[in-house]
Protein backbone atom coordinates (compact mmCIF):
# COMPACT_ATOMS: atom_id res chain seq x y z
CA MET A 1 -37.61 65.68 20.87
CA THR A 2 -34.39 65.25 21.94
CA THR A 3 -32.41 62.26 22.35
CA THR A 4 -31.12 61.56 25.95
CA PRO A 5 -27.30 59.97 25.98
CA ALA A 6 -28.64 56.56 27.30
CA PHE A 7 -31.05 56.18 24.06
CA THR A 8 -27.84 57.22 21.95
CA MET A 9 -25.88 54.29 24.06
CA VAL A 10 -28.34 51.49 23.56
CA SER A 11 -28.73 52.21 19.81
CA LYS A 12 -24.87 51.99 19.01
CA ARG A 13 -24.72 49.10 21.26
CA LYS A 14 -26.89 47.54 18.90
CA ARG A 15 -25.05 48.47 15.93
CA VAL A 16 -21.91 46.95 17.00
CA VAL A 17 -23.85 43.64 17.69
CA LYS A 18 -25.73 43.85 13.95
CA LEU A 19 -21.99 44.56 12.73
CA CYS A 20 -19.99 41.95 14.73
CA CYS A 21 -23.04 39.62 13.58
CA LEU A 22 -22.63 40.18 9.68
CA GLY A 23 -18.70 40.01 9.87
CA VAL A 24 -18.88 36.90 12.26
CA LEU A 25 -21.14 35.40 9.17
CA PHE A 26 -19.44 36.51 6.29
CA LEU A 27 -16.10 34.68 8.05
CA THR A 28 -17.97 31.43 8.79
CA LEU A 29 -19.14 31.77 5.23
CA ALA A 30 -15.75 32.08 3.60
CA TYR A 31 -14.04 29.34 6.16
CA ALA A 32 -17.67 26.86 4.85
CA ILE A 33 -16.41 27.51 0.91
CA ILE A 34 -12.70 26.75 2.34
CA VAL A 35 -14.18 23.30 3.74
CA ILE A 36 -16.95 22.49 1.39
CA ASP A 37 -15.40 23.54 -1.61
CA PRO A 38 -18.06 23.92 -3.82
CA THR A 39 -15.89 23.30 -7.14
CA GLU A 40 -14.87 20.12 -5.73
CA VAL A 41 -18.48 19.06 -4.79
CA ILE A 42 -19.24 20.10 -8.53
CA VAL A 43 -16.84 17.95 -10.69
CA GLU A 44 -17.45 15.09 -7.58
CA ASP A 45 -21.23 14.60 -8.66
CA LYS A 46 -20.94 15.54 -12.67
CA LEU A 47 -17.23 13.44 -13.09
CA SER A 48 -18.11 10.63 -11.14
CA MET A 49 -19.15 7.16 -12.41
CA TYR A 50 -22.67 6.07 -11.83
CA GLU A 51 -25.64 5.21 -13.89
CA GLY A 52 -26.36 8.62 -15.75
CA SER A 53 -23.52 10.86 -14.68
CA TYR A 54 -22.36 13.06 -17.11
CA LEU A 55 -19.05 10.98 -17.05
CA ASN A 56 -20.97 7.54 -17.66
CA ARG A 57 -22.50 9.28 -20.59
CA LEU A 58 -19.75 10.86 -21.88
CA TRP A 59 -17.70 7.20 -21.56
CA LYS A 60 -20.39 5.04 -23.10
CA LYS A 61 -19.69 6.61 -26.65
CA PRO A 62 -16.96 8.93 -26.33
CA PRO A 63 -16.73 11.96 -28.10
CA LEU A 64 -13.01 11.99 -29.72
CA GLU A 65 -11.74 12.53 -32.86
CA VAL A 66 -8.83 9.65 -32.64
CA PHE A 67 -7.10 8.79 -35.66
CA ILE A 68 -4.90 5.84 -36.61
CA SER A 69 -1.77 7.19 -38.91
CA ILE A 70 -0.50 3.76 -41.24
CA TYR A 71 3.37 4.38 -41.91
CA VAL A 72 4.51 1.41 -44.02
CA PHE A 73 7.99 -0.09 -44.96
CA ASN A 74 8.64 -0.53 -48.60
CA ILE A 75 11.53 -2.49 -49.56
CA THR A 76 13.59 -0.95 -52.36
CA ASN A 77 16.20 -3.13 -53.34
CA PRO A 78 14.34 -6.83 -53.30
CA GLU A 79 16.92 -8.28 -55.87
CA ALA A 80 19.89 -7.06 -54.46
CA PHE A 81 18.98 -8.04 -51.49
CA MET A 82 17.83 -11.70 -51.90
CA ARG A 83 21.33 -12.08 -53.96
CA GLY A 84 23.06 -10.97 -50.56
CA GLU A 85 25.03 -8.10 -52.33
CA GLU A 86 23.13 -5.23 -50.30
CA ARG A 87 21.62 -5.36 -46.75
CA LEU A 88 17.96 -4.64 -46.70
CA ARG A 89 16.58 -1.18 -47.65
CA VAL A 90 13.12 0.53 -46.79
CA GLN A 91 11.49 3.53 -47.65
CA GLU A 92 8.77 4.98 -45.03
CA ILE A 93 5.52 5.37 -46.97
CA GLY A 94 2.18 7.12 -45.29
CA PRO A 95 0.61 7.96 -43.92
CA TYR A 96 -3.03 6.35 -44.40
CA VAL A 97 -5.31 6.92 -41.74
CA TYR A 98 -8.04 6.02 -40.09
CA GLN A 99 -10.68 7.34 -37.91
CA GLU A 100 -11.49 5.11 -35.21
CA PHE A 101 -14.61 5.19 -33.10
CA LEU A 102 -15.23 3.54 -29.51
CA GLU A 103 -18.12 2.54 -27.91
CA HIS A 104 -18.59 0.67 -24.37
CA ARG A 105 -21.53 -1.88 -24.98
CA ASN A 106 -23.67 -3.50 -22.61
CA SER A 107 -22.21 -1.58 -19.34
CA THR A 108 -23.44 -3.30 -16.07
CA PHE A 109 -22.83 -1.50 -12.36
CA ASN A 110 -22.03 -4.82 -10.03
CA PRO A 111 -23.03 -5.24 -6.78
CA ASN A 112 -19.20 -4.80 -5.85
CA GLY A 113 -18.68 -1.74 -6.97
CA THR A 114 -17.10 -2.55 -10.44
CA LEU A 115 -18.16 -1.94 -13.75
CA SER A 116 -18.22 -4.29 -16.88
CA PHE A 117 -18.44 -3.84 -20.13
CA ILE A 118 -17.44 -4.66 -24.23
CA PRO A 119 -15.29 -2.64 -25.71
CA VAL A 120 -16.18 -2.15 -29.56
CA ARG A 121 -13.57 -0.33 -31.71
CA ARG A 122 -14.59 0.36 -36.22
CA GLN A 123 -11.84 1.94 -38.46
CA VAL A 124 -13.32 4.42 -41.22
CA PHE A 125 -10.17 5.28 -43.94
CA VAL A 126 -10.05 8.95 -43.97
CA PRO A 127 -8.72 9.77 -47.71
CA GLU A 128 -8.24 13.58 -47.17
CA ARG A 129 -5.50 13.02 -44.60
CA SER A 130 -3.98 10.11 -46.45
CA VAL A 131 -1.23 10.01 -48.94
CA GLY A 132 -2.83 8.05 -51.40
CA ASP A 133 -5.51 5.60 -51.91
CA PRO A 134 -4.34 1.92 -49.95
CA MET A 135 -5.99 -0.12 -52.59
CA GLU A 136 -3.74 1.14 -55.30
CA ASP A 137 -0.37 1.88 -53.91
CA ARG A 138 1.55 -0.99 -54.44
CA ILE A 139 4.78 -2.10 -52.33
CA MET A 140 7.11 -4.74 -51.71
CA ILE A 141 7.14 -6.34 -48.32
CA PRO A 142 8.22 -9.57 -46.86
CA ASN A 143 6.10 -13.02 -47.02
CA ILE A 144 4.72 -12.66 -43.43
CA ALA A 145 3.32 -16.10 -43.37
CA LEU A 146 6.59 -17.86 -45.68
CA LEU A 147 9.21 -16.10 -43.20
CA GLY A 148 6.82 -16.51 -39.80
CA VAL A 149 5.95 -20.40 -40.41
CA SER A 150 9.79 -21.02 -41.37
CA SER A 151 10.99 -18.63 -38.21
CA ALA A 152 8.58 -20.81 -35.70
CA ALA A 153 9.51 -24.36 -36.74
CA TYR A 154 13.06 -23.38 -36.61
CA ARG A 155 12.74 -22.18 -32.42
CA MET A 156 11.03 -25.55 -32.06
CA SER A 157 13.75 -27.81 -33.59
CA THR A 158 16.07 -28.17 -36.57
CA PHE A 159 14.23 -31.34 -37.38
CA ALA A 160 10.93 -29.49 -37.52
CA ALA A 161 12.63 -26.58 -39.74
CA PHE A 162 13.71 -28.78 -42.60
CA ALA A 163 10.35 -30.99 -42.38
CA VAL A 164 8.61 -27.30 -42.43
CA ALA A 165 11.30 -26.61 -45.63
CA ALA A 166 10.41 -29.42 -47.69
CA ALA A 167 6.65 -28.77 -47.25
CA LEU A 168 7.01 -25.34 -48.20
CA LYS A 169 9.00 -25.77 -51.72
CA PRO A 170 6.19 -27.36 -53.78
CA LEU A 171 4.07 -24.13 -52.84
CA GLY A 172 6.59 -21.66 -54.78
CA MET A 173 5.80 -18.99 -52.36
CA ALA A 174 8.10 -15.90 -53.18
CA PRO A 175 10.30 -14.48 -50.12
CA ILE A 176 9.34 -10.96 -50.90
CA LEU A 177 5.17 -9.72 -52.34
CA ASN A 178 4.38 -6.65 -54.10
CA ILE A 179 0.85 -6.78 -52.66
CA THR A 180 -1.30 -3.29 -52.43
CA THR A 181 -1.21 -1.19 -49.10
CA HIS A 182 -4.77 -2.41 -47.89
CA ASP A 183 -3.76 -6.27 -48.98
CA LEU A 184 -0.80 -5.59 -46.43
CA LEU A 185 -3.39 -3.96 -43.71
CA TRP A 186 -6.17 -5.55 -44.20
CA GLY A 187 -5.65 -9.01 -45.48
CA TYR A 188 -4.69 -11.16 -48.83
CA ASP A 189 -4.62 -14.26 -49.54
CA ASP A 190 -2.21 -16.83 -48.78
CA PRO A 191 -1.69 -20.71 -49.51
CA LEU A 192 -0.21 -20.93 -45.65
CA VAL A 193 -3.21 -19.38 -44.24
CA ARG A 194 -5.93 -20.95 -46.51
CA ILE A 195 -4.94 -24.27 -45.72
CA ALA A 196 -4.23 -23.43 -42.08
CA SER A 197 -7.89 -22.07 -41.61
CA THR A 198 -8.97 -25.26 -42.87
CA LEU A 199 -6.92 -28.19 -40.99
CA LEU A 200 -7.23 -25.97 -37.63
CA PRO A 201 -10.46 -23.56 -37.66
CA GLU A 202 -10.76 -22.95 -34.14
CA LEU A 203 -7.05 -22.02 -34.17
CA ILE A 204 -6.77 -20.05 -37.36
CA HIS A 205 -10.22 -18.21 -37.63
CA PHE A 206 -9.76 -16.14 -40.84
CA GLN A 207 -9.23 -16.60 -44.16
CA LYS A 208 -6.70 -13.50 -44.82
CA LEU A 209 -3.61 -12.44 -43.13
CA GLY A 210 -3.71 -8.99 -42.81
CA ILE A 211 -1.57 -6.55 -40.15
CA LEU A 212 -4.29 -4.39 -38.76
CA ASP A 213 -6.94 -7.16 -39.29
CA ARG A 214 -5.18 -9.24 -36.65
CA MET A 215 -4.30 -6.20 -34.31
CA PHE A 216 -7.93 -4.88 -33.94
CA ASP A 217 -9.51 -8.01 -34.07
CA ASP A 218 -10.31 -7.69 -30.37
CA GLY A 219 -13.46 -9.67 -30.97
CA PHE A 220 -15.90 -8.92 -27.80
CA ASP A 221 -13.77 -8.86 -24.81
CA THR A 222 -15.36 -8.30 -21.58
CA VAL A 223 -13.86 -5.86 -19.48
CA THR A 224 -14.50 -5.12 -15.72
CA ILE A 225 -12.53 -2.44 -14.02
CA ASN A 226 -12.88 -0.88 -10.37
CA LEU A 227 -15.17 1.82 -9.83
CA PRO A 228 -13.92 4.37 -6.60
CA GLU A 229 -16.16 2.44 -4.57
CA SER A 230 -14.71 -0.67 -4.72
CA VAL A 231 -11.60 0.40 -4.03
CA ARG A 232 -12.97 2.39 -0.86
CA ASN A 233 -14.32 -1.11 0.14
CA GLN A 234 -11.31 -2.88 -0.36
CA GLN A 235 -9.37 0.09 1.52
CA ARG A 236 -11.60 -0.68 4.22
CA GLU A 237 -11.55 -4.52 4.49
CA VAL A 238 -8.03 -4.14 5.27
CA GLU A 239 -8.77 -1.18 7.65
CA ASP A 240 -11.07 -3.34 9.48
CA SER A 241 -8.86 -6.53 9.40
CA ILE A 242 -5.79 -4.75 10.99
CA VAL A 243 -8.59 -3.33 13.65
CA ASP A 244 -10.02 -6.48 14.33
CA ASP A 245 -6.51 -8.18 15.31
CA ASP A 246 -6.49 -5.10 17.51
CA ASP A 247 -8.95 -6.39 19.68
CA ASP A 248 -7.91 -9.77 20.16
CA GLY A 249 -6.23 -9.18 23.23
CA VAL A 250 -3.58 -7.74 21.81
CA PRO A 251 -1.70 -5.23 23.93
CA ASP A 252 -1.67 -1.39 21.98
CA GLU A 253 2.29 -1.39 21.47
CA LEU A 254 1.95 -4.86 19.91
CA ALA A 255 -0.88 -4.38 17.92
CA GLU A 256 1.00 -1.01 16.56
CA THR A 257 3.94 -3.07 15.88
CA LEU A 258 1.97 -5.37 13.56
CA GLN A 259 -0.06 -3.11 12.17
CA GLU A 260 3.26 -1.08 10.49
CA GLU A 261 4.99 -4.36 9.81
CA TYR A 262 1.60 -5.31 7.77
CA TYR A 263 1.82 -2.19 5.90
CA HIS A 264 5.49 -2.90 5.80
CA ASP A 265 4.28 -6.16 4.16
CA ILE A 266 2.08 -4.24 1.74
CA VAL A 267 4.88 -1.95 0.84
CA LEU A 268 6.69 -4.80 -0.20
CA GLN A 269 3.90 -6.37 -1.70
CA SER A 270 3.64 -3.18 -3.87
CA LYS A 271 6.81 -3.76 -5.78
CA THR A 272 5.54 -7.03 -7.55
CA GLU A 273 2.07 -6.53 -7.51
CA GLU A 274 -0.05 -3.73 -9.16
CA PRO A 275 -1.95 -1.71 -6.58
CA ILE A 276 -5.92 -1.68 -7.30
CA ARG A 277 -6.48 2.05 -8.14
CA ASP A 278 -9.60 3.79 -9.39
CA TYR A 279 -10.81 2.53 -12.95
CA SER A 280 -7.87 0.16 -12.67
CA ILE A 281 -8.87 -3.07 -14.35
CA ASP A 282 -10.35 -5.97 -12.14
CA VAL A 283 -10.78 -8.52 -15.09
CA TRP A 284 -10.33 -9.31 -18.53
CA ASN A 285 -12.88 -11.94 -20.04
CA GLY A 286 -13.16 -13.20 -16.23
CA SER A 287 -9.34 -13.54 -15.88
CA PRO A 288 -7.22 -11.00 -13.53
CA GLY A 289 -3.73 -12.07 -16.05
CA LEU A 290 -2.69 -12.76 -19.16
CA ALA A 291 -2.84 -17.05 -19.65
CA HIS A 292 -0.67 -16.42 -22.87
CA TRP A 293 1.91 -15.28 -21.00
CA GLY A 294 1.88 -17.98 -18.16
CA TYR A 295 -0.53 -16.52 -15.79
CA VAL A 296 -2.92 -19.05 -13.81
CA ALA A 297 -5.57 -19.06 -11.46
CA LYS A 298 -5.12 -18.05 -8.17
CA ASP A 299 -6.17 -21.95 -6.43
CA HIS A 300 -3.18 -22.94 -9.00
CA TRP A 301 -0.54 -25.38 -7.02
CA ASP A 302 1.82 -23.32 -8.78
CA ALA A 303 0.27 -20.03 -8.73
CA ASP A 304 2.80 -18.21 -6.64
CA ARG A 305 5.53 -18.78 -8.33
CA ARG A 306 3.75 -18.20 -11.92
CA ASN A 307 1.96 -15.46 -11.28
CA THR A 308 3.49 -12.06 -12.06
CA PRO A 309 3.41 -8.64 -12.60
CA CYS A 310 4.79 -9.29 -15.74
CA ASN A 311 1.32 -11.64 -16.66
CA THR A 312 -1.08 -9.32 -14.14
CA LEU A 313 -3.28 -6.93 -15.66
CA GLN A 314 -5.08 -6.33 -12.44
CA GLY A 315 -3.93 -2.67 -11.41
CA SER A 316 -3.60 -1.60 -15.06
CA TYR A 317 -5.86 0.61 -17.64
CA ASP A 318 -7.64 -0.15 -20.90
CA GLY A 319 -6.70 3.82 -21.46
CA SER A 320 -10.51 5.22 -21.79
CA VAL A 321 -10.28 6.79 -18.33
CA PHE A 322 -7.80 7.29 -15.34
CA PRO A 323 -7.82 8.30 -11.63
CA ARG A 324 -8.79 11.52 -10.92
CA ASN A 325 -6.20 14.26 -8.96
CA ILE A 326 -2.85 12.62 -10.47
CA SER A 327 0.59 12.94 -9.25
CA LYS A 328 3.56 13.25 -10.80
CA THR A 329 5.01 10.23 -9.21
CA GLU A 330 2.43 8.23 -11.00
CA VAL A 331 3.36 5.17 -12.82
CA PHE A 332 0.24 3.79 -15.09
CA LYS A 333 0.53 0.53 -17.17
CA VAL A 334 -2.03 0.43 -19.93
CA TYR A 335 -2.77 -2.14 -21.65
CA ARG A 336 -4.66 -3.27 -24.96
CA LYS A 337 -5.34 -5.50 -26.85
CA ALA A 338 -3.15 -5.17 -30.10
CA PHE A 339 -0.67 -4.89 -27.60
CA CYS A 340 -0.40 -7.93 -26.71
CA ARG A 341 1.05 -6.60 -23.19
CA THR A 342 0.65 -4.12 -20.86
CA LEU A 343 2.70 -0.64 -21.66
CA PRO A 344 3.64 1.35 -18.50
CA ILE A 345 3.90 4.85 -18.38
CA ALA A 346 5.42 8.09 -16.44
CA PHE A 347 5.19 11.26 -15.71
CA GLU A 348 7.69 13.56 -17.62
CA ARG A 349 6.76 16.69 -17.76
CA GLU A 350 3.71 19.63 -17.04
CA GLY A 351 2.47 22.30 -19.38
CA GLU A 352 -0.75 23.50 -20.25
CA VAL A 353 -3.42 22.60 -23.42
CA ASP A 354 -5.67 25.30 -24.48
CA GLY A 355 -5.04 26.80 -21.18
CA ILE A 356 -5.91 24.00 -19.15
CA LYS A 357 -3.13 22.60 -16.74
CA ALA A 358 -1.68 19.36 -18.33
CA TYR A 359 0.72 16.53 -17.53
CA TRP A 360 2.65 14.65 -20.30
CA PHE A 361 3.30 11.06 -19.73
CA SER A 362 5.42 9.44 -22.11
CA ILE A 363 6.39 5.11 -22.16
CA GLN A 364 9.31 4.59 -20.08
CA GLU A 365 12.89 3.73 -21.38
CA ASN A 366 12.20 -0.32 -20.62
CA ALA A 367 8.80 -0.67 -22.09
CA PHE A 368 10.04 -3.22 -24.42
CA GLU A 369 12.74 -5.26 -22.79
CA SER A 370 12.49 -8.13 -21.24
CA SER A 371 14.55 -9.75 -18.50
CA ILE A 372 14.57 -12.79 -16.43
CA ASP A 373 15.75 -11.41 -13.15
CA ASP A 374 13.06 -8.67 -13.65
CA PRO A 375 9.37 -9.83 -12.35
CA TYR A 376 8.01 -7.15 -14.44
CA THR A 377 9.30 -8.44 -17.52
CA SER A 378 10.54 -12.02 -16.96
CA CYS A 379 7.31 -13.62 -18.49
CA TYR A 380 8.35 -12.23 -21.82
CA CYS A 381 11.00 -14.58 -22.00
CA LYS A 382 10.80 -17.35 -23.42
CA ASN A 383 13.27 -20.69 -22.80
CA ASN A 384 15.24 -18.37 -20.66
CA GLN A 385 15.97 -16.72 -23.81
CA CYS A 386 14.99 -12.97 -23.86
CA LEU A 387 14.79 -10.47 -27.19
CA PRO A 388 17.14 -7.72 -27.61
CA LYS A 389 16.26 -4.10 -25.66
CA GLY A 390 13.74 -2.32 -27.35
CA LEU A 391 11.72 -5.18 -29.04
CA GLY A 392 8.27 -6.73 -27.21
CA ASP A 393 7.45 -10.27 -28.20
CA LEU A 394 3.88 -10.57 -29.67
CA SER A 395 3.95 -14.57 -30.85
CA PRO A 396 1.29 -15.54 -28.31
CA CYS A 397 -1.01 -13.10 -29.53
CA TRP A 398 -0.05 -13.88 -33.67
CA TYR A 399 -0.70 -17.64 -33.46
CA ASN A 400 3.16 -18.09 -32.63
CA ILE A 401 4.29 -16.16 -35.82
CA PRO A 402 7.32 -14.47 -34.59
CA VAL A 403 6.32 -10.46 -34.19
CA ALA A 404 7.60 -8.15 -32.66
CA VAL A 405 6.15 -4.66 -31.42
CA SER A 406 8.86 -1.57 -30.61
CA LEU A 407 8.58 2.25 -31.00
CA PRO A 408 8.79 3.14 -34.28
CA HIS A 409 12.38 2.58 -36.37
CA PHE A 410 13.57 1.35 -33.30
CA TYR A 411 13.52 4.52 -30.98
CA LYS A 412 14.47 3.71 -27.37
CA GLY A 413 15.67 0.22 -28.62
CA ASP A 414 19.09 -1.59 -29.18
CA PRO A 415 21.16 0.70 -31.58
CA THR A 416 22.00 -2.41 -33.35
CA LEU A 417 18.65 -2.96 -34.77
CA SER A 418 18.01 0.17 -36.14
CA GLN A 419 21.50 0.37 -37.76
CA ALA A 420 21.08 -3.23 -39.76
CA ILE A 421 18.54 -1.97 -41.87
CA ASP A 422 18.77 0.94 -44.16
CA GLY A 423 16.16 3.70 -44.24
CA LEU A 424 15.57 4.05 -40.47
CA SER A 425 15.93 7.19 -38.73
CA PRO A 426 14.74 6.93 -34.50
CA ASN A 427 13.39 10.76 -33.59
CA LYS A 428 12.07 11.32 -30.38
CA GLU A 429 9.59 13.72 -31.56
CA LYS A 430 8.44 11.64 -34.38
CA HIS A 431 8.55 8.34 -32.57
CA ASP A 432 7.98 8.72 -28.95
CA ALA A 433 4.87 8.03 -27.34
CA VAL A 434 2.99 10.25 -25.43
CA ILE A 435 -0.17 10.57 -23.48
CA ILE A 436 -1.01 14.63 -21.95
CA MET A 437 -3.84 14.21 -19.18
CA GLN A 438 -5.99 16.75 -16.92
CA PRO A 439 -4.71 16.01 -13.57
CA GLN A 440 -7.85 16.98 -11.39
CA LEU A 441 -9.98 15.12 -14.04
CA GLY A 442 -7.91 12.03 -15.26
CA ILE A 443 -9.20 12.04 -18.83
CA PRO A 444 -6.84 11.98 -22.07
CA MET A 445 -6.03 15.81 -23.24
CA LYS A 446 -4.22 14.60 -25.89
CA ALA A 447 -2.21 10.98 -27.06
CA ASN A 448 0.38 9.80 -29.81
CA ILE A 449 0.79 6.28 -28.98
CA ARG A 450 3.13 4.98 -31.51
CA VAL A 451 4.00 1.20 -32.00
CA GLN A 452 6.31 -0.45 -34.60
CA ILE A 453 4.96 -4.05 -36.16
CA SER A 454 8.25 -6.30 -36.90
CA LEU A 455 9.09 -10.05 -38.10
CA LEU A 456 11.43 -11.41 -36.45
CA THR A 457 13.34 -14.19 -38.76
CA ASN A 458 15.74 -16.95 -38.32
CA VAL A 459 15.85 -19.26 -41.15
CA SER A 460 19.73 -20.54 -41.93
CA PHE A 461 17.96 -23.25 -43.09
CA ASN A 462 16.41 -22.81 -46.05
CA SER A 463 19.07 -21.22 -48.46
CA GLU A 464 16.42 -19.48 -50.29
CA LEU A 465 15.62 -17.39 -47.39
CA ARG A 466 19.08 -17.04 -45.67
CA PRO A 467 19.42 -13.24 -46.68
CA PHE A 468 16.69 -12.92 -44.40
CA HIS A 469 18.31 -15.14 -41.14
CA ASN A 470 18.59 -13.01 -38.04
CA THR A 471 16.62 -10.12 -38.99
CA VAL A 472 14.00 -7.97 -37.55
CA ILE A 473 12.33 -6.58 -40.76
CA PRO A 474 10.01 -3.86 -39.64
CA LEU A 475 6.36 -3.73 -41.37
CA ILE A 476 4.55 -1.01 -40.27
CA TRP A 477 4.05 1.40 -37.70
CA ALA A 478 1.15 2.85 -36.44
CA GLU A 479 0.52 6.43 -34.33
CA MET A 480 -3.02 6.58 -32.22
CA SER A 481 -3.81 10.02 -31.76
CA LEU A 482 -6.10 12.07 -29.74
CA GLU A 483 -5.09 15.34 -30.95
CA LYS A 484 -7.87 17.50 -29.52
CA LEU A 485 -10.73 17.10 -27.32
CA THR A 486 -14.75 18.48 -28.18
CA PRO A 487 -15.87 22.09 -27.97
CA GLU A 488 -18.16 20.97 -25.28
CA LEU A 489 -15.71 19.43 -22.95
CA ILE A 490 -12.88 22.12 -23.22
CA LEU A 491 -15.31 24.63 -22.63
CA LEU A 492 -16.05 22.29 -19.80
CA LEU A 493 -12.95 21.88 -18.57
CA ASN A 494 -12.18 25.49 -18.65
CA VAL A 495 -15.28 26.27 -16.31
CA LEU A 496 -14.16 23.62 -13.66
CA PHE A 497 -10.80 23.92 -13.11
CA GLY A 498 -9.88 27.38 -14.84
CA ILE A 499 -12.94 29.84 -13.97
CA ALA A 500 -14.70 28.23 -10.96
CA PRO A 501 -11.73 27.84 -8.49
CA TYR A 502 -10.43 31.67 -9.32
CA LEU A 503 -14.05 33.00 -9.05
CA GLN A 504 -14.38 30.79 -5.62
CA THR A 505 -11.10 32.35 -4.36
CA GLY A 506 -12.12 35.63 -5.03
CA PHE A 507 -15.70 35.47 -3.89
CA ILE A 508 -13.48 33.44 -0.32
CA CYS A 509 -11.34 36.65 -0.39
CA ILE A 510 -14.39 38.95 -0.47
CA LEU A 511 -16.21 37.74 2.35
CA ALA A 512 -13.20 37.49 4.49
CA LEU A 513 -12.59 40.91 3.73
CA LEU A 514 -16.21 42.27 4.44
CA GLY A 515 -16.07 40.55 7.58
CA ALA A 516 -12.64 41.55 8.94
CA SER A 517 -13.89 45.08 8.21
CA LEU A 518 -17.50 44.65 9.85
CA LEU A 519 -15.96 43.47 13.44
CA ALA A 520 -12.94 46.50 12.43
CA THR A 521 -15.77 48.92 12.50
CA ALA A 522 -17.44 47.78 15.33
CA VAL A 523 -14.68 47.59 17.82
CA LEU A 524 -14.05 51.35 16.34
CA VAL A 525 -17.72 52.32 17.37
CA LEU A 526 -17.41 50.63 20.17
CA LEU A 527 -14.14 52.54 21.33
CA CYS A 528 -15.99 56.05 20.14
CA SER A 529 -18.84 55.10 22.23
CA SER A 530 -16.54 54.44 25.26
CA GLU A 531 -14.66 57.64 24.86
CA ALA A 532 -18.15 60.02 24.81
CA ALA A 533 -19.29 58.13 27.68
CA THR A 534 -16.11 59.69 29.64
CA PHE A 535 -16.40 63.35 28.51
CA GLU A 536 -18.12 65.72 30.25
CA TYR A 537 -19.94 68.11 28.70
CA ASP A 538 -20.21 71.55 29.93
CA PRO A 539 -22.79 73.85 27.74
CA ARG A 540 -22.18 77.26 29.94
CA LYS A 541 -18.75 76.67 28.52
CA SER A 542 -20.20 76.81 25.20
CA ILE A 543 -22.36 80.09 25.89
CA ARG A 544 -19.88 82.33 28.15
CA TYR A 545 -17.05 81.89 25.81
CA SER A 546 -19.75 82.68 22.63
CA THR A 547 -19.14 85.68 20.73
CA VAL A 548 -22.84 85.64 20.39
CA ASN A 549 -24.32 89.16 22.13
CA MET A 550 -27.90 88.37 23.13
CA ILE A 551 -29.01 85.13 24.93
CA PRO A 552 -32.36 84.21 25.31
CA TYR A 553 -34.17 84.29 27.91
CA PRO A 554 -35.38 80.82 28.74
CA LEU A 555 -31.91 79.58 28.06
CA ARG A 556 -30.48 81.85 30.69
CA LYS A 557 -32.53 80.57 32.87
CA GLU A 558 -32.08 77.02 32.79
CA LEU A 559 -28.54 78.15 32.91
CA GLU A 560 -28.56 79.52 36.01
CA LYS A 561 -29.96 76.15 37.66
CA TYR A 562 -26.40 75.07 37.33
CA GLY A 563 -24.80 77.29 40.41
CA GLU A 564 -24.40 81.01 38.32
CA ALA A 565 -26.85 84.25 39.43
CA GLU A 566 -25.83 86.06 36.54
CA ILE A 567 -24.23 85.13 33.08
CA THR A 568 -21.29 86.82 32.22
CA ARG A 569 -21.52 88.74 29.09
CA ARG A 570 -19.24 89.52 26.60
CA GLU A 571 -19.22 92.37 24.22
CA PRO A 572 -18.46 92.17 20.85
CA LEU A 573 -15.06 92.14 19.94
CA LEU A 574 -14.29 95.59 18.38
CA ILE A 575 -11.22 95.09 15.53
CA GLU A 576 -10.09 99.18 15.05
CA ASN A 577 -9.15 100.58 12.00
CA SER A 578 -5.55 100.82 12.27
CA ALA A 579 -5.60 103.39 9.31
């Protein structure tokens, strides 16, 4: 069965149409993958905070290995120091390691798009990581209760200081104690504490005084954080208010000017107020601020003056989860009750952890500074008096005992602090505070938060305590470390941010190449078909100049129809032998 030229052309056209359709389909699929971004869709679905989500289950009881390493400062020259012959000399002993377990209980998703919960922490001693048994190791430390109460009285007035000194003298309390490390950390019997807890049970609700016992006495605080939904609603309200203003008969040019001024005010306001971002704190125990640093309700007559970024918690983070897609310009404020304040952390550098992209954030240089002229630190100054650089006041959270927080060995602080005591050597690698975060997901991958607790002493009125006057005595420093993620989380991060993006990009490239190749093939087929249609085929020429000597009779009859009565024959080509 012979195929006519017309049928061949139709078949080729159909083939061209099929190739074009397939090419367009592949290119459309490639473009759709770019627009939809399936990897991002999966991340958004699996790692968003809603009831029953993977992130929510992970957050409720984080499967993270968090360790708290404690280093204590042992006084090595107590007799010489008390005689005034030498300045205080300390020896760092540690670590004594405890593992911390965190659980977010009573989590409730509120109608306004926020999440409320109660964080509960407990610490378990890890002997294999520790230098010794804290219940047996004995150290020499300053008498915190005696020096603390005496220094607190000194802040009040001279009369109060002498009155306290007279009241304390009959107790016969030693200025330097020889106790176990466990007693220092978790509490020891003290006459002052026992008397205070008896007389003021509502204020002093504990029978023993211990540094970690006070630091980790979080109680049952109810924390509420902003979910992405609530943040979007707030942004939508701002946009709607601008639109409403525009609809009130205001000319377009004037409305645009008002909108620019509005956003300009927002920018100016953001310099003194923290922006509301995903997973940031909304309220803590029902309050958006810290009352012990002067925060008052917003309807208070003096709220505009007293409420500052220094004592406002809104916009800060509790440290368990951060917003996704973190940029290098971010500055986060992290709040933990043990620090009695927010600590600002800022981007330092980028790198990789376990082959996964990561950002290094460290505590800012001015984290433990206070200045009356700085709205971010002014509330930490009492009676217009601020602590030296590198010291943060903890006394409102320590029952007015003059205790300060800083980086270990007074790193990044006033050099005179570390120079006043022998045995201190500030070092960036050992004493800086760092949080390493996965930027797309916003979860800490590693962390080393290091803080030191010191006692501030002012006791010139008491001759027995005079060697301690105007001294900042380091007591302990703690390193809260997240060493690594669980294998499940590492695998998840590798798949979502290490493998999936490359697979998706490769699939897009393959689809785009297939689509372009099919379209190019269709064009070539179309061009070849056009050339074939314009080519005039004469079968006589093929036969006339053929070397075939014999032509079948039927074929000859057919050729005669083209106008020649006789077909020219060609004789076979004879090749003569020249030999």
